[in-house]
Protein backbone atom coordinates (compact mmCIF):
# COMPACT_ATOMS: atom_id res chain seq x y z
CA UNK A 1 -9.06 22.68 -48.20
CA UNK A 2 -10.84 19.49 -47.04
CA UNK A 3 -8.16 17.38 -48.71
CA UNK A 4 -5.38 19.16 -46.81
CA UNK A 5 -7.21 18.52 -43.53
CA UNK A 6 -7.47 14.81 -44.38
CA UNK A 7 -3.79 14.70 -45.38
CA UNK A 8 -2.78 16.35 -42.11
CA UNK A 9 -4.85 13.88 -40.10
CA UNK A 10 -3.27 11.00 -42.01
CA UNK A 11 0.22 12.33 -41.22
CA UNK A 12 -0.63 12.37 -37.51
CA UNK A 13 -2.30 8.95 -37.58
CA UNK A 14 0.39 7.05 -39.53
CA UNK A 15 2.92 6.72 -36.65
CA UNK A 16 0.15 5.54 -34.33
CA UNK A 17 -1.16 3.13 -36.95
CA UNK A 18 2.28 1.61 -37.53
CA UNK A 19 2.77 1.27 -33.75
CA UNK A 20 -0.59 -0.54 -33.53
CA UNK A 21 0.38 -2.87 -36.35
CA UNK A 22 3.65 -3.70 -34.59
CA UNK A 23 1.97 -4.38 -31.23
CA UNK A 24 -1.33 -5.95 -32.22
CA UNK A 25 -0.30 -9.43 -31.00
CA UNK A 26 0.64 -8.21 -27.52
CA UNK A 27 -1.96 -9.40 -24.97
CA UNK A 28 -0.95 -6.70 -22.48
CA UNK A 29 -1.77 -4.07 -25.08
CA UNK A 30 -5.29 -5.45 -25.55
CA UNK A 31 -5.79 -5.78 -21.80
CA UNK A 32 -4.83 -2.11 -21.49
CA UNK A 33 -7.22 -1.11 -24.26
CA UNK A 34 -10.07 -2.98 -22.57
CA UNK A 35 -9.27 -1.48 -19.15
CA UNK A 36 -9.09 2.05 -20.54
CA UNK A 37 -12.38 1.50 -22.35
CA UNK A 38 -14.03 0.26 -19.17
CA UNK A 39 -12.67 3.21 -17.22
CA UNK A 40 -14.04 5.67 -19.78
CA UNK A 41 -17.40 3.90 -19.69
CA UNK A 42 -17.51 3.94 -15.87
CA UNK A 43 -16.57 7.62 -15.66
CA UNK A 44 -19.14 8.58 -18.29
CA UNK A 45 -21.84 6.45 -16.66
CA UNK A 46 -21.17 8.01 -13.25
CA UNK A 47 -21.17 11.52 -14.69
CA UNK A 48 -24.49 10.97 -16.46
CA UNK A 49 -26.17 9.40 -13.40
CA UNK A 50 -25.16 11.93 -10.74
CA UNK A 51 -28.77 12.77 -9.93
CA UNK A 52 -29.74 9.26 -8.84
């Protein structure tokens, strides 16, 4: 059962992985990744510090 779950996850991840491999030299992609990461951090930080 665990192996089928891993196989299913791999089937879903493979198209995304190949897209990442094709676009890993694109600076706009990395800028977007950094901006999304910063946005997630800021939203999480604000949500955790509501009381202050």
